[in-house]
N, C-alpha and C. Protein backbone atom coordinates (compact mmCIF):
# COMPACT_ATOMS: atom_id res chain seq x y z
N MET A 1 104.80 113.99 151.59
CA MET A 1 106.02 113.50 150.80
C MET A 1 106.95 114.09 149.29
N ILE A 2 107.95 114.53 149.61
CA ILE A 2 108.29 114.91 148.38
C ILE A 2 109.38 113.53 147.23
N HIS A 3 109.10 113.40 146.59
CA HIS A 3 109.61 112.48 145.41
C HIS A 3 110.18 112.79 144.29
N LYS A 4 111.28 112.14 143.43
CA LYS A 4 111.69 112.32 142.20
C LYS A 4 110.86 111.60 141.26
N THR A 5 110.35 112.10 140.10
CA THR A 5 109.75 111.43 139.32
C THR A 5 109.97 112.16 137.36
N ARG A 6 109.17 111.40 136.88
CA ARG A 6 109.66 112.10 135.50
C ARG A 6 108.21 112.00 134.76
N GLY A 7 107.31 112.80 134.17
CA GLY A 7 106.41 113.38 133.60
C GLY A 7 106.01 113.57 132.48
N ILE A 8 104.73 113.27 131.52
CA ILE A 8 104.65 113.95 130.23
C ILE A 8 103.62 114.75 130.71
N VAL A 9 103.34 115.70 129.92
CA VAL A 9 102.11 116.57 130.01
C VAL A 9 101.28 116.19 129.55
N PHE A 10 99.75 116.25 129.72
CA PHE A 10 98.61 115.69 128.61
C PHE A 10 98.17 116.96 128.38
N ARG A 11 97.33 118.24 129.47
CA ARG A 11 97.45 119.22 129.37
C ARG A 11 97.17 120.44 131.07
N PHE A 12 96.52 121.24 130.66
CA PHE A 12 96.72 122.25 131.34
C PHE A 12 95.13 123.46 131.29
N THR A 13 95.25 123.40 132.14
CA THR A 13 93.61 125.12 132.68
C THR A 13 94.66 125.93 133.37
N ARG A 14 93.87 126.64 132.96
CA ARG A 14 94.11 128.17 133.58
C ARG A 14 93.50 127.82 134.76
N PHE A 15 93.93 128.96 135.98
CA PHE A 15 93.50 128.87 137.21
C PHE A 15 93.92 130.30 137.88
N ARG A 16 92.53 131.00 137.74
CA ARG A 16 93.00 132.60 138.05
C ARG A 16 93.09 133.43 137.68
N GLU A 17 94.06 134.25 137.57
CA GLU A 17 94.78 134.93 137.09
C GLU A 17 96.24 135.00 136.14
N THR A 18 96.67 134.04 137.76
CA THR A 18 98.31 133.61 136.85
C THR A 18 98.83 132.44 136.67
N SER A 19 98.15 131.73 137.12
CA SER A 19 98.51 130.74 137.77
C SER A 19 97.57 129.35 136.36
N ILE A 20 98.36 127.63 136.47
CA ILE A 20 97.94 126.45 135.91
C ILE A 20 97.38 125.52 136.25
N ILE A 21 96.46 124.54 136.39
CA ILE A 21 96.70 123.36 136.81
C ILE A 21 97.18 122.62 136.25
N VAL A 22 97.98 121.36 136.02
CA VAL A 22 98.54 121.50 134.87
C VAL A 22 98.67 119.51 135.22
N THR A 23 97.67 119.01 133.95
CA THR A 23 97.90 116.96 134.22
C THR A 23 98.70 116.75 133.60
N ILE A 24 99.50 115.57 134.68
CA ILE A 24 100.71 114.99 134.31
C ILE A 24 100.50 113.59 134.47
N PHE A 25 101.46 112.69 133.62
CA PHE A 25 101.34 111.67 133.58
C PHE A 25 102.85 111.07 134.03
N THR A 26 102.75 110.74 135.50
CA THR A 26 104.06 110.48 136.09
C THR A 26 104.58 108.94 136.33
N ASP A 27 105.46 108.85 135.83
CA ASP A 27 105.79 107.43 135.99
C ASP A 27 105.61 106.50 137.29
N GLU A 28 105.68 107.55 138.52
CA GLU A 28 105.68 107.12 139.78
C GLU A 28 104.10 106.85 140.76
N PHE A 29 103.70 107.82 139.95
CA PHE A 29 102.17 108.09 140.57
C PHE A 29 100.74 107.94 138.97
N GLY A 30 101.51 107.75 138.14
CA GLY A 30 100.50 108.04 137.38
C GLY A 30 99.63 108.76 136.95
N LEU A 31 98.63 109.52 136.79
CA LEU A 31 98.26 110.53 136.15
C LEU A 31 97.69 111.73 137.73
N GLN A 32 98.09 112.74 137.38
CA GLN A 32 98.47 113.59 138.77
C GLN A 32 98.60 115.03 138.25
N SER A 33 97.35 115.84 139.11
CA SER A 33 97.23 117.79 138.98
C SER A 33 98.02 118.10 139.59
N TYR A 34 98.51 119.02 139.13
CA TYR A 34 99.41 119.96 140.43
C TYR A 34 99.07 121.46 140.01
N ILE A 35 98.83 122.57 140.38
CA ILE A 35 98.88 123.74 140.30
C ILE A 35 100.58 124.45 140.77
N VAL A 36 99.88 125.89 139.41
CA VAL A 36 101.34 125.86 139.18
C VAL A 36 100.94 127.38 139.35
N ASN A 37 102.02 128.01 140.50
CA ASN A 37 102.13 129.73 140.57
C ASN A 37 102.88 130.02 139.06
N GLY A 38 101.75 131.38 139.12
CA GLY A 38 102.99 132.78 138.83
C GLY A 38 103.18 132.23 137.22
N VAL A 39 102.83 131.94 136.16
CA VAL A 39 103.90 131.65 135.46
C VAL A 39 102.92 132.45 134.07
N ARG A 40 101.93 132.98 133.68
CA ARG A 40 101.01 133.35 133.16
C ARG A 40 101.44 134.91 133.35
N THR A 41 102.50 135.16 133.57
CA THR A 41 102.70 137.21 133.83
C THR A 41 103.54 137.19 133.13
N LYS A 42 103.46 138.64 132.85
CA LYS A 42 104.60 139.16 131.98
C LYS A 42 105.65 139.52 132.33
N HIS A 43 105.65 139.51 134.10
CA HIS A 43 106.80 139.64 134.43
C HIS A 43 107.54 138.71 135.48
N SER A 44 107.23 137.58 135.01
CA SER A 44 107.78 136.03 135.23
C SER A 44 109.40 136.35 134.80
N LYS A 45 110.42 136.02 135.24
CA LYS A 45 111.64 136.07 134.69
C LYS A 45 111.80 134.88 133.70
N THR A 46 111.76 133.55 133.84
CA THR A 46 111.97 132.88 132.72
C THR A 46 110.42 131.51 131.95
N ASN A 47 110.24 131.78 131.38
CA ASN A 47 108.64 131.66 130.40
C ASN A 47 108.95 130.03 130.56
N LYS A 48 107.97 130.01 132.04
CA LYS A 48 107.99 128.25 132.68
C LYS A 48 107.06 127.59 132.09
N ILE A 49 105.76 129.09 131.37
CA ILE A 49 104.37 127.46 130.73
C ILE A 49 104.79 127.16 129.69
N ALA A 50 106.02 127.41 129.42
CA ALA A 50 106.66 126.59 128.29
C ALA A 50 107.15 125.21 128.22
N LEU A 51 107.15 125.05 130.05
CA LEU A 51 107.75 123.72 130.29
C LEU A 51 106.77 122.53 130.28
N PHE A 52 105.02 123.04 130.53
CA PHE A 52 103.60 122.30 130.57
C PHE A 52 103.09 122.83 128.63
N GLN A 53 103.34 122.61 128.19
CA GLN A 53 102.62 122.04 126.87
C GLN A 53 102.34 120.73 126.54
N PRO A 54 101.44 120.25 126.26
CA PRO A 54 101.31 118.93 126.49
C PRO A 54 102.49 118.06 125.15
N LEU A 55 102.54 117.20 126.10
CA LEU A 55 103.60 116.09 125.40
C LEU A 55 104.95 116.72 126.00
N THR A 56 104.98 117.48 126.40
CA THR A 56 106.55 117.94 126.89
C THR A 56 107.45 116.72 128.06
N LEU A 57 108.32 116.41 128.25
CA LEU A 57 108.85 115.68 128.51
C LEU A 57 109.61 115.90 130.16
N LEU A 58 109.06 115.62 131.05
CA LEU A 58 109.92 116.59 132.32
C LEU A 58 110.29 115.35 133.05
N ASN A 59 111.40 116.37 134.07
CA ASN A 59 112.22 116.00 135.07
C ASN A 59 111.59 116.36 136.13
N LEU A 60 110.96 116.22 137.15
CA LEU A 60 110.19 116.73 138.31
C LEU A 60 110.87 116.38 140.03
N VAL A 61 110.14 116.96 140.82
CA VAL A 61 110.13 117.22 141.99
C VAL A 61 109.18 117.55 142.72
N VAL A 62 108.32 116.74 143.30
CA VAL A 62 106.87 116.68 143.43
C VAL A 62 106.70 116.24 144.24
N TYR A 63 105.49 117.04 145.48
CA TYR A 63 105.13 116.28 146.65
C TYR A 63 103.41 115.86 146.58
N HIS A 64 103.99 115.07 147.57
CA HIS A 64 102.74 114.09 147.29
C HIS A 64 101.88 112.98 148.13
N ARG A 65 100.97 112.97 148.48
CA ARG A 65 99.92 112.99 148.96
C ARG A 65 98.86 111.61 148.54
N PRO A 66 98.93 110.90 148.52
CA PRO A 66 98.25 109.60 148.46
C PRO A 66 96.59 109.78 148.60
N GLN A 67 95.99 110.91 149.41
CA GLN A 67 94.85 110.76 149.35
C GLN A 67 94.53 112.57 148.75
N ALA A 68 95.85 112.92 147.89
CA ALA A 68 95.53 114.27 147.90
C ALA A 68 95.01 115.03 145.17
N ASN A 69 93.80 115.89 145.27
CA ASN A 69 93.54 115.64 144.10
C ASN A 69 94.49 116.35 143.37
N ILE A 70 94.76 117.30 144.72
CA ILE A 70 96.01 118.12 143.51
C ILE A 70 97.16 118.28 144.40
N GLU A 71 98.23 118.28 144.03
CA GLU A 71 99.37 118.62 144.79
C GLU A 71 100.58 120.01 144.29
N ARG A 72 101.90 120.31 144.19
CA ARG A 72 102.21 121.15 143.48
C ARG A 72 103.57 120.77 143.87
N ILE A 73 104.51 121.27 142.55
CA ILE A 73 105.55 121.41 142.14
C ILE A 73 107.04 121.78 142.39
N ARG A 74 107.66 121.10 142.89
CA ARG A 74 108.97 121.64 143.81
C ARG A 74 110.18 122.23 142.43
N GLU A 75 110.68 121.59 141.92
CA GLU A 75 111.07 121.41 141.10
C GLU A 75 110.72 120.51 139.55
N VAL A 76 111.34 121.34 138.81
CA VAL A 76 110.63 121.18 136.99
C VAL A 76 112.37 121.53 135.99
N GLN A 77 112.41 120.37 135.62
CA GLN A 77 113.50 120.61 134.24
C GLN A 77 112.84 119.76 132.84
N CYS A 78 113.05 120.33 131.71
CA CYS A 78 112.72 119.68 130.99
C CYS A 78 113.98 118.12 131.43
N LEU A 79 113.44 116.81 130.28
CA LEU A 79 113.91 115.67 130.56
C LEU A 79 114.41 115.66 128.42
N TYR A 80 114.27 116.00 127.74
CA TYR A 80 114.59 115.69 126.70
C TYR A 80 113.39 116.56 126.10
N PRO A 81 114.35 118.25 125.04
CA PRO A 81 114.29 119.19 124.61
C PRO A 81 113.88 118.57 123.15
N PHE A 82 112.36 118.56 122.20
CA PHE A 82 111.90 117.83 121.52
C PHE A 82 113.38 119.05 120.11
N ALA A 83 113.46 118.36 119.19
CA ALA A 83 114.34 119.08 117.98
C ALA A 83 113.04 119.17 116.78
N THR A 84 112.20 118.30 116.80
CA THR A 84 111.62 118.84 115.37
C THR A 84 109.92 118.51 115.54
N LEU A 85 109.83 117.66 117.27
CA LEU A 85 108.25 117.68 117.11
C LEU A 85 107.48 118.84 117.04
N THR A 86 107.58 119.56 117.84
CA THR A 86 106.53 121.13 117.50
C THR A 86 107.16 121.97 116.16
N THR A 87 107.90 122.08 115.79
CA THR A 87 108.75 123.09 114.06
C THR A 87 108.32 121.74 112.97
N ASP A 88 108.40 121.21 112.76
CA ASP A 88 107.05 119.78 111.68
C ASP A 88 106.47 119.90 111.58
N MET A 89 105.23 120.53 111.19
CA MET A 89 103.94 120.26 110.65
C MET A 89 102.98 119.04 110.48
N ARG A 90 104.06 118.50 110.19
CA ARG A 90 103.40 116.77 110.02
C ARG A 90 103.18 115.93 111.76
N LYS A 91 104.68 116.02 111.91
CA LYS A 91 105.03 116.01 113.37
C LYS A 91 103.95 116.53 113.89
N SER A 92 103.71 117.99 114.29
CA SER A 92 102.74 118.60 115.14
C SER A 92 101.65 118.03 115.02
N ALA A 93 100.66 117.70 113.82
CA ALA A 93 99.39 117.39 113.71
C ALA A 93 99.73 115.80 114.23
N ILE A 94 100.70 115.05 114.26
CA ILE A 94 100.79 113.85 115.12
C ILE A 94 100.53 114.13 115.98
N ALA A 95 101.29 114.57 117.10
CA ALA A 95 101.56 115.11 118.36
C ALA A 95 100.14 115.42 118.86
N MET A 96 99.70 116.26 118.11
CA MET A 96 98.18 117.12 118.26
C MET A 96 97.34 115.57 118.59
N PHE A 97 97.14 115.14 117.71
CA PHE A 97 96.62 113.78 118.15
C PHE A 97 96.54 113.00 118.67
N LEU A 98 97.78 112.98 119.33
CA LEU A 98 97.77 111.68 120.14
C LEU A 98 97.87 112.51 121.71
N THR A 99 97.93 113.75 121.48
CA THR A 99 97.75 114.61 123.22
C THR A 99 95.99 113.84 123.32
N GLU A 100 95.20 114.54 122.53
CA GLU A 100 93.52 113.82 122.35
C GLU A 100 93.58 112.87 122.92
N LEU A 101 94.18 111.49 122.23
CA LEU A 101 93.83 110.27 122.07
C LEU A 101 94.00 109.75 123.80
N LEU A 102 96.04 110.68 124.06
CA LEU A 102 96.11 110.16 125.47
C LEU A 102 95.37 110.63 126.45
N ASN A 103 94.88 111.95 126.69
CA ASN A 103 93.76 112.17 127.26
C ASN A 103 92.68 111.76 127.50
N LYS A 104 92.02 111.06 126.25
CA LYS A 104 90.49 110.66 126.58
C LYS A 104 90.35 108.96 127.16
N THR A 105 91.82 108.36 126.74
CA THR A 105 92.14 106.87 127.20
C THR A 105 92.86 106.29 128.44
N VAL A 106 93.86 107.45 128.54
CA VAL A 106 95.19 107.11 129.63
C VAL A 106 93.81 107.79 131.46
N LYS A 107 93.60 106.86 131.52
CA LYS A 107 93.53 107.21 132.76
C LYS A 107 93.56 106.43 134.49
N GLU A 108 94.04 104.94 134.25
CA GLU A 108 94.39 104.51 135.46
C GLU A 108 96.16 104.82 135.73
N GLU A 109 96.42 104.71 137.39
CA GLU A 109 97.88 104.19 137.73
C GLU A 109 97.89 103.13 137.75
N THR A 110 97.62 102.31 137.60
CA THR A 110 98.02 101.06 137.19
C THR A 110 99.02 100.66 136.39
N HIS A 111 100.20 99.99 136.10
CA HIS A 111 101.12 99.36 135.41
C HIS A 111 101.60 101.53 135.22
N ALA A 112 101.70 102.74 135.56
CA ALA A 112 101.81 103.72 135.40
C ALA A 112 103.38 103.39 134.48
N ARG A 113 104.67 103.45 135.38
CA ARG A 113 105.34 103.24 134.70
C ARG A 113 105.61 102.75 133.54
N GLU A 114 105.33 101.16 132.51
CA GLU A 114 105.20 101.22 131.87
C GLU A 114 104.31 101.23 130.67
N ILE A 115 103.73 102.41 131.38
CA ILE A 115 102.97 102.86 130.44
C ILE A 115 103.60 104.51 130.03
N PHE A 116 104.83 104.95 131.16
CA PHE A 116 104.80 105.65 130.65
C PHE A 116 106.33 105.60 130.04
N GLU A 117 107.22 104.58 129.87
CA GLU A 117 108.15 104.19 129.55
C GLU A 117 108.16 104.28 127.74
N PHE A 118 106.47 103.24 127.89
CA PHE A 118 106.44 103.23 126.32
C PHE A 118 106.11 104.48 125.56
N ILE A 119 104.88 105.59 126.40
CA ILE A 119 105.34 107.13 125.20
C ILE A 119 106.33 107.75 125.49
N LEU A 120 107.10 107.75 126.59
CA LEU A 120 107.91 108.09 126.35
C LEU A 120 108.92 108.13 125.60
N ASN A 121 109.08 106.48 125.09
CA ASN A 121 110.33 106.07 123.80
C ASN A 121 109.55 107.06 122.37
N SER A 122 108.43 106.74 123.01
CA SER A 122 107.28 106.45 121.23
C SER A 122 107.67 107.50 120.99
N LEU A 123 107.56 108.38 121.41
CA LEU A 123 107.50 110.34 121.38
C LEU A 123 109.16 110.78 120.94
N ILE A 124 109.90 110.45 121.84
CA ILE A 124 111.88 110.61 121.58
C ILE A 124 112.05 110.19 120.02
N THR A 125 111.52 108.85 120.01
CA THR A 125 111.14 107.95 118.43
C THR A 125 110.66 108.55 117.59
N LEU A 126 109.35 109.26 117.13
CA LEU A 126 108.93 110.46 116.95
C LEU A 126 109.94 111.10 116.31
N ASP A 127 110.81 111.94 117.52
CA ASP A 127 111.18 113.67 116.94
C ASP A 127 112.72 112.82 116.13
N LYS A 128 112.71 111.65 116.36
CA LYS A 128 114.11 111.29 116.24
C LYS A 128 114.46 110.96 114.83
N LEU A 129 113.24 110.69 114.00
CA LEU A 129 112.41 109.89 112.91
C LEU A 129 112.93 111.04 111.56
N ASN A 130 113.56 111.07 110.16
CA ASN A 130 113.97 112.05 109.49
C ASN A 130 112.88 111.71 108.43
N GLY A 131 112.62 110.39 108.42
CA GLY A 131 111.29 110.57 107.62
C GLY A 131 110.54 109.51 107.64
N ASP A 132 109.49 108.88 106.25
CA ASP A 132 108.44 107.79 107.20
C ASP A 132 107.67 107.46 107.77
N PHE A 133 107.29 108.69 108.50
CA PHE A 133 106.56 108.64 109.21
C PHE A 133 105.44 108.23 109.29
N GLU A 134 104.35 108.37 108.70
CA GLU A 134 103.50 108.71 108.22
C GLU A 134 102.43 108.00 108.50
N ASN A 135 103.04 105.77 108.91
CA ASN A 135 102.24 105.30 109.48
C ASN A 135 102.69 105.36 111.07
N TYR A 136 103.09 106.61 111.66
CA TYR A 136 103.36 106.29 112.97
C TYR A 136 102.23 106.56 114.45
N HIS A 137 101.27 107.09 113.97
CA HIS A 137 100.11 107.09 114.30
C HIS A 137 98.97 106.05 114.51
N LEU A 138 99.46 105.84 113.44
CA LEU A 138 98.75 104.11 113.25
C LEU A 138 99.56 102.94 114.14
N GLN A 139 100.81 103.05 113.92
CA GLN A 139 101.16 101.73 115.09
C GLN A 139 101.23 102.58 116.40
N PHE A 140 101.27 103.28 116.83
CA PHE A 140 100.99 103.92 118.28
C PHE A 140 99.56 103.19 118.74
N MET A 141 98.60 103.48 118.15
CA MET A 141 97.13 103.08 118.31
C MET A 141 97.22 101.38 118.82
N LEU A 142 98.30 100.75 117.75
CA LEU A 142 97.99 99.66 117.98
C LEU A 142 98.77 98.83 119.30
N ARG A 143 99.89 99.35 119.35
CA ARG A 143 100.67 99.31 120.45
C ARG A 143 100.59 99.77 121.86
N LEU A 144 99.34 101.04 121.29
CA LEU A 144 98.83 101.39 122.95
C LEU A 144 98.72 100.83 123.59
N SER A 145 97.28 100.12 122.71
CA SER A 145 96.56 99.05 123.40
C SER A 145 96.46 98.12 124.45
N HIS A 146 97.38 97.84 123.71
CA HIS A 146 98.18 96.52 124.79
C HIS A 146 98.28 97.03 126.49
N TYR A 147 98.63 98.19 126.21
CA TYR A 147 99.00 98.98 127.49
C TYR A 147 97.76 99.34 128.55
N LEU A 148 96.52 99.08 127.50
CA LEU A 148 95.47 99.86 128.00
C LEU A 148 94.75 98.80 127.78
N GLY A 149 94.86 97.40 128.37
CA GLY A 149 94.40 96.08 128.59
C GLY A 149 93.40 95.65 128.12
N PHE A 150 93.46 96.07 126.81
CA PHE A 150 93.18 95.39 125.56
C PHE A 150 93.82 95.10 124.02
N GLY A 151 94.96 94.83 124.04
CA GLY A 151 95.68 94.62 123.16
C GLY A 151 94.96 94.33 121.95
N VAL A 152 95.21 94.87 120.79
CA VAL A 152 94.87 93.80 119.14
C VAL A 152 96.11 92.52 119.12
N GLN A 153 95.21 91.43 118.99
CA GLN A 153 96.33 90.09 118.45
C GLN A 153 96.28 90.00 117.99
N SER A 154 95.18 90.06 116.93
CA SER A 154 94.69 89.56 115.38
C SER A 154 93.82 90.66 114.87
N VAL A 155 94.06 90.86 113.25
CA VAL A 155 93.51 91.35 112.63
C VAL A 155 92.06 90.91 112.78
N ASN A 156 91.34 90.38 112.56
CA ASN A 156 90.07 89.88 112.99
C ASN A 156 89.25 90.22 114.17
N GLU A 157 90.16 90.26 114.87
CA GLU A 157 89.95 90.93 116.40
C GLU A 157 90.05 92.47 116.41
N LEU A 158 91.04 93.29 115.10
CA LEU A 158 90.53 94.77 114.77
C LEU A 158 89.62 94.48 114.17
N VAL A 159 89.34 94.24 112.91
CA VAL A 159 87.74 94.31 112.11
C VAL A 159 86.94 94.16 112.57
N GLY A 160 86.85 93.22 113.43
CA GLY A 160 85.26 92.78 113.91
C GLY A 160 84.30 92.78 112.72
N GLY A 161 83.25 92.98 112.95
CA GLY A 161 81.64 92.71 111.36
C GLY A 161 82.24 93.46 110.72
N ARG A 162 83.20 94.75 110.66
CA ARG A 162 82.93 95.88 109.54
C ARG A 162 83.95 94.76 108.43
N ALA A 163 83.73 95.65 107.23
CA ALA A 163 84.32 95.12 106.24
C ALA A 163 85.26 95.77 105.64
N ALA A 164 86.59 94.84 105.20
CA ALA A 164 87.75 95.16 104.87
C ALA A 164 88.22 94.49 103.40
N ASP A 165 88.87 95.41 103.07
CA ASP A 165 89.56 94.05 101.47
C ASP A 165 90.49 93.35 102.14
N GLU A 166 91.01 93.24 100.95
CA GLU A 166 92.14 91.74 101.36
C GLU A 166 93.68 92.49 101.61
N VAL A 167 93.73 93.94 100.78
CA VAL A 167 94.97 94.91 101.10
C VAL A 167 94.48 94.84 102.08
N SER A 168 93.79 95.76 103.08
CA SER A 168 93.15 96.35 103.70
C SER A 168 94.31 95.19 105.25
N GLU A 169 93.70 94.20 105.26
CA GLU A 169 94.13 93.46 106.07
C GLU A 169 95.51 92.99 106.24
N GLN A 170 96.38 92.62 104.75
CA GLN A 170 97.26 92.46 104.96
C GLN A 170 97.93 93.59 105.34
N LEU A 171 97.65 95.16 105.36
CA LEU A 171 98.42 95.97 105.25
C LEU A 171 98.28 96.06 107.42
N LEU A 172 97.15 95.72 107.69
CA LEU A 172 97.06 95.82 108.74
C LEU A 172 98.50 94.51 109.85
N ASP A 173 97.80 93.41 108.79
CA ASP A 173 98.80 92.76 109.81
C ASP A 173 99.74 92.79 109.67
N ARG A 174 100.59 93.64 108.70
CA ARG A 174 102.16 94.20 108.77
C ARG A 174 102.19 95.17 109.63
N LEU A 175 101.57 96.21 109.89
CA LEU A 175 101.05 97.11 110.93
C LEU A 175 101.63 96.65 112.39
N LEU A 176 100.79 95.75 112.48
CA LEU A 176 100.95 95.02 114.05
C LEU A 176 102.01 94.45 114.10
N VAL A 177 103.04 93.76 113.49
CA VAL A 177 104.23 93.28 113.77
C VAL A 177 105.68 94.36 113.65
N SER A 178 105.30 95.35 112.64
CA SER A 178 105.73 96.65 112.38
C SER A 178 106.53 97.42 113.71
N ASP A 179 107.92 97.64 113.27
CA ASP A 179 108.27 99.07 114.76
C ASP A 179 108.07 100.14 113.99
N TYR A 180 108.63 101.08 114.64
CA TYR A 180 108.61 102.71 113.86
C TYR A 180 109.48 103.32 112.56
N SER A 181 110.42 102.34 112.57
CA SER A 181 111.07 102.59 111.87
C SER A 181 110.52 102.31 110.38
N ASN A 182 109.85 101.23 110.60
CA ASN A 182 109.45 100.11 108.87
C ASN A 182 108.65 101.02 108.24
N ASN A 183 109.12 101.16 106.66
CA ASN A 183 108.78 102.17 106.62
C ASN A 183 107.59 100.98 105.12
N ILE A 184 105.99 100.83 105.32
CA ILE A 184 104.98 100.42 104.98
C ILE A 184 104.35 101.17 103.76
N LYS A 185 104.48 100.94 102.43
CA LYS A 185 104.01 102.13 101.40
C LYS A 185 102.46 101.07 101.70
N MET A 186 101.92 102.07 102.05
CA MET A 186 100.25 102.17 101.43
C MET A 186 99.91 103.81 101.10
N SER A 187 98.69 104.17 100.23
CA SER A 187 98.24 105.40 99.95
C SER A 187 97.78 106.05 100.83
N ASN A 188 97.21 107.21 100.78
CA ASN A 188 96.89 108.41 101.75
C ASN A 188 95.48 107.87 101.87
N ALA A 189 94.74 107.03 101.16
CA ALA A 189 93.24 106.72 101.44
C ALA A 189 93.21 105.35 101.83
N GLN A 190 94.04 104.32 102.26
CA GLN A 190 94.62 103.44 102.87
C GLN A 190 94.10 104.08 104.44
N ARG A 191 95.60 104.78 104.28
CA ARG A 191 95.62 104.72 105.79
C ARG A 191 94.62 105.83 106.53
N ARG A 192 94.04 106.09 105.84
CA ARG A 192 92.96 107.19 106.20
C ARG A 192 91.60 105.59 106.75
N GLY A 193 91.59 104.94 105.58
CA GLY A 193 90.72 103.73 106.09
C GLY A 193 90.90 102.33 107.18
N LEU A 194 92.73 102.23 107.82
CA LEU A 194 92.98 101.55 108.12
C LEU A 194 92.42 102.82 109.53
N LEU A 195 92.86 104.31 109.85
CA LEU A 195 92.79 105.05 110.60
C LEU A 195 91.33 104.87 111.31
N ASP A 196 90.32 104.98 110.76
CA ASP A 196 89.03 104.78 110.82
C ASP A 196 89.38 103.38 111.35
N LEU A 197 89.04 102.42 111.08
CA LEU A 197 89.38 100.62 112.02
C LEU A 197 89.62 100.81 113.03
N ILE A 198 90.89 101.59 113.05
CA ILE A 198 91.66 101.36 114.43
C ILE A 198 91.27 101.89 115.67
N LEU A 199 90.18 103.58 114.73
CA LEU A 199 89.05 104.48 115.78
C LEU A 199 87.94 103.96 116.37
N ASP A 200 87.78 103.18 115.21
CA ASP A 200 86.28 102.65 115.18
C ASP A 200 86.73 101.04 116.82
N PHE A 201 87.96 100.19 116.34
CA PHE A 201 88.20 99.68 117.41
C PHE A 201 88.27 100.31 119.28
N TYR A 202 88.70 101.02 119.13
CA TYR A 202 89.14 102.20 120.23
C TYR A 202 87.77 102.34 120.69
N LEU A 203 86.96 102.63 119.81
CA LEU A 203 85.24 103.76 120.18
C LEU A 203 85.00 101.93 121.08
N ARG A 204 84.54 100.59 120.62
CA ARG A 204 84.49 99.79 121.30
C ARG A 204 84.75 99.88 122.60
N HIS A 205 85.68 100.39 123.29
CA HIS A 205 86.44 100.40 124.36
C HIS A 205 86.18 102.16 125.53
N PHE A 206 85.49 103.01 124.38
CA PHE A 206 86.41 103.87 125.29
C PHE A 206 85.01 105.13 124.09
N ASP A 207 84.07 105.55 124.88
CA ASP A 207 83.05 106.24 124.48
C ASP A 207 83.59 107.26 123.74
N SER A 208 84.29 107.98 124.58
CA SER A 208 85.21 109.24 124.38
C SER A 208 85.25 109.39 122.93
N MET A 209 85.76 108.49 122.40
CA MET A 209 86.41 108.99 121.48
C MET A 209 85.55 108.95 120.16
N ARG A 210 84.27 109.21 120.37
CA ARG A 210 83.66 108.97 119.29
C ARG A 210 84.09 110.39 118.94
N GLU A 211 84.33 111.19 119.62
CA GLU A 211 84.79 113.49 118.70
C GLU A 211 86.26 113.33 119.07
N MET A 212 86.77 113.14 118.13
CA MET A 212 88.45 113.28 118.07
C MET A 212 88.61 114.66 117.05
N LYS A 213 88.30 115.91 117.82
CA LYS A 213 88.52 117.41 117.55
C LYS A 213 89.64 117.23 115.87
N SER A 214 91.20 116.77 117.54
CA SER A 214 92.23 116.72 116.14
C SER A 214 92.40 116.26 114.71
N LEU A 215 91.28 115.30 114.90
CA LEU A 215 91.57 114.00 113.13
C LEU A 215 91.37 114.45 112.08
N GLN A 216 90.67 116.06 112.05
CA GLN A 216 90.90 116.46 110.22
C GLN A 216 91.93 117.12 110.29
N VAL A 217 92.52 117.63 111.26
CA VAL A 217 93.81 118.56 111.19
C VAL A 217 95.25 117.21 110.66
N LEU A 218 94.83 115.88 111.58
CA LEU A 218 95.69 114.97 111.56
C LEU A 218 95.13 114.60 109.30
N ARG A 219 94.05 114.56 109.23
CA ARG A 219 93.87 114.45 107.89
C ARG A 219 94.61 114.88 107.11
N ASP A 220 94.17 116.50 107.45
CA ASP A 220 94.35 117.50 106.02
C ASP A 220 95.81 117.63 106.11
N VAL A 221 96.63 116.98 107.27
CA VAL A 221 98.07 118.03 106.76
C VAL A 221 98.50 115.99 106.82
N MET A 222 98.10 114.96 107.23
CA MET A 222 99.10 114.17 105.63
C MET A 222 98.70 113.14 105.01
N ALA A 223 97.50 114.11 104.36
CA ALA A 223 97.43 113.85 102.36
C ALA A 223 98.22 113.98 102.17
């Protein structure tokens, strides 16, 4: 069957000489894998592989069979061309971190549309923010946890048995109820400490979070 759906690219891997297998989170079917032929050749008329870079937002017409492991894409168009996400060094570092985070945590197809809308709107918001987005990744993680089924309800739940000073707890309390446009002032050291607390919280639910390769890049760029 042929279906129209929207998608967010999570990753792609090379397949044979000129093809790729791309993993896309769709609003209709959740996480799906598609084989795309002829995108890694010099003779390709269009730079199609640019459409399959991580976090690219797409409009798709796809073939879909409920039991199939890999499907094909019939039509693909960019849903929203990013203006700053790929050119602003700090936003690119955040995007790299979010890509790894999503690949390690978003697995289920249940509530696909809700998760999709959250990620879509969050990425567009980040692209449009002109400044004061240093806390974006913290807010994103706190919000994403609700869609993953273990949403943070209070600072005590988040901190758990770890030691946290009063200022950190106050900052976390504000982050829990803030949106992306709220500029919550904190130092780089405080921001790193809060990220460690949130990562530890995620680690209780995802063992794959033990090693985040993009973490050091994010810390260096946002310092």
